[in-house]
Each structure stands twice: as structure tokens, then as C-alpha cells.
Amino acid sequence: MTAPAPADTPVPADPVRADKPVRADKDDMMRKFLRRFASNEAGAVTVDWVVLTAAVVALTGIVAYATRNSAADLLGAAGTAVEEEASIFD
């Protein structure tokens, strides 16, 4: 516990930060944070992988959409060919 201030000593409004100017301290903290944030590359690899994965999924969807009618026609033709060959054994 701190001792009470003498009557003739003015008591600061914020005794914790009485010796530091608040504005300069916040500016220094923000500059340090921004420097650390800009120099940190740990998340960049994750972002790269997310973008690449999204591109692969999108391209897969586009290819599947573009070939769905052709694939259905091909499966129908294959089914007909198998039925014709199977009718030989009847």
C-alpha cells in the first residue's frame, strides 16, 4: 500500500501513468505492433494454401459442370453397348 501524498503535493489524475505521457506511449506501442505485424510472415503461407485450394475447388466445379452432359451421354452409350453384348448370351 502506498503512503498518502502530503497535503501540498498535487495528486495526479492517473497515478499509474503519472510519469509517462499517454499519447507518446500509445504511439510507440502502435509503431512496434505495426512493425512486428508487417515483418511476420507466418500467416502468408496459410493464405497461399487457402487461395490455391479455393482455385482447385473452383476449377474442379467448372470442369464437372462443363462435362456433365457429355458424361451422361457417354454413360448412356456404354450402357447400351453392354446391353447389346449381353443380349448375345440370351
Protein backbone atom coordinates (compact mmCIF):
# COMPACT_ATOMS: atom_id res chain seq x y z
CA MET A 1 0.00 0.00 0.00
CA THR A 2 1.27 3.46 -0.85
CA ALA A 3 1.63 6.24 1.62
CA PRO A 4 -0.81 9.13 1.27
CA ALA A 5 0.53 12.21 -0.51
CA PRO A 6 1.32 15.25 1.62
CA ALA A 7 -1.28 17.99 1.50
CA ASP A 8 0.87 20.36 -0.57
CA THR A 9 1.74 17.73 -3.28
CA PRO A 10 -0.74 17.61 -6.17
CA VAL A 11 -2.10 14.13 -6.79
CA PRO A 12 -2.07 13.14 -10.49
CA ALA A 13 -5.33 12.04 -12.08
CA ASP A 14 -3.82 8.68 -13.08
CA PRO A 15 -1.06 7.66 -10.64
CA VAL A 16 -0.05 4.65 -12.77
CA ARG A 17 0.86 6.79 -15.80
CA ALA A 18 1.80 9.99 -13.99
CA ASP A 19 5.41 9.89 -15.20
CA LYS A 20 4.68 8.97 -18.86
CA PRO A 21 2.82 10.96 -21.46
CA VAL A 22 -0.07 8.78 -22.54
CA ARG A 23 -0.08 9.80 -26.22
CA ALA A 24 3.61 9.09 -26.87
CA ASP A 25 3.36 5.72 -25.14
CA LYS A 26 0.41 4.65 -27.29
CA ASP A 27 2.14 5.85 -30.46
CA ASP A 28 5.26 3.83 -29.63
CA MET A 29 3.19 0.74 -28.88
CA MET A 30 1.30 1.07 -32.16
CA ARG A 31 4.51 1.54 -34.17
CA LYS A 32 6.05 -1.55 -32.55
CA PHE A 33 2.90 -3.55 -33.24
CA LEU A 34 2.77 -2.48 -36.89
CA ARG A 35 6.46 -3.28 -37.42
CA ARG A 36 6.03 -6.75 -35.90
CA PHE A 37 2.84 -7.33 -37.88
CA ALA A 38 4.42 -6.29 -41.18
CA SER A 39 7.53 -8.41 -40.65
CA ASN A 40 5.65 -11.54 -39.53
CA GLU A 41 5.21 -13.92 -42.47
CA ALA A 42 3.79 -16.92 -40.62
CA GLY A 43 0.26 -16.41 -41.93
CA ALA A 44 1.31 -15.78 -45.52
CA VAL A 45 1.84 -19.47 -46.25
CA THR A 46 -1.60 -20.28 -44.89
CA VAL A 47 -3.18 -17.64 -47.09
CA ASP A 48 -1.33 -19.04 -50.12
CA TRP A 49 -2.65 -22.54 -49.43
CA VAL A 50 -6.20 -21.31 -48.91
CA VAL A 51 -6.13 -19.41 -52.20
CA LEU A 52 -4.65 -22.37 -54.09
CA THR A 53 -7.16 -24.80 -52.59
CA ALA A 54 -10.06 -22.49 -53.46
CA ALA A 55 -8.77 -22.24 -57.04
CA VAL A 56 -8.54 -26.04 -57.37
CA VAL A 57 -12.06 -26.49 -56.00
CA ALA A 58 -13.43 -23.81 -58.33
CA LEU A 59 -11.73 -25.31 -61.38
CA THR A 60 -12.99 -28.78 -60.45
CA GLY A 61 -16.52 -27.43 -60.24
CA ILE A 62 -16.21 -25.70 -63.60
CA VAL A 63 -14.89 -28.84 -65.29
CA ALA A 64 -17.58 -31.01 -63.69
CA TYR A 65 -20.30 -28.59 -64.81
CA ALA A 66 -18.92 -28.38 -68.34
CA THR A 67 -18.61 -32.15 -68.81
CA ARG A 68 -21.76 -33.36 -67.05
CA ASN A 69 -23.86 -33.62 -70.22
CA SER A 70 -21.06 -35.32 -72.12
CA ALA A 71 -20.51 -37.76 -69.28
CA ALA A 72 -24.22 -38.63 -69.15
CA ASP A 73 -24.24 -39.27 -72.92
CA LEU A 74 -21.12 -41.41 -72.64
CA LEU A 75 -22.58 -43.46 -69.79
CA GLY A 76 -25.78 -43.98 -71.78
CA ALA A 77 -23.82 -45.18 -74.80
CA ALA A 78 -21.75 -47.52 -72.66
CA GLY A 79 -24.89 -48.95 -71.06
CA THR A 80 -26.45 -49.56 -74.48
CA ALA A 81 -23.30 -51.29 -75.73
CA VAL A 82 -23.21 -53.55 -72.69
CA GLU A 83 -26.90 -54.46 -73.14
CA GLU A 84 -26.31 -55.32 -76.79
CA GLU A 85 -23.36 -57.54 -75.94
CA ALA A 86 -25.27 -59.18 -73.11
CA SER A 87 -28.17 -59.98 -75.46
CA ILE A 88 -25.89 -62.36 -77.36
CA PHE A 89 -25.94 -64.71 -74.38
CA ASP A 90 -29.73 -64.86 -74.16
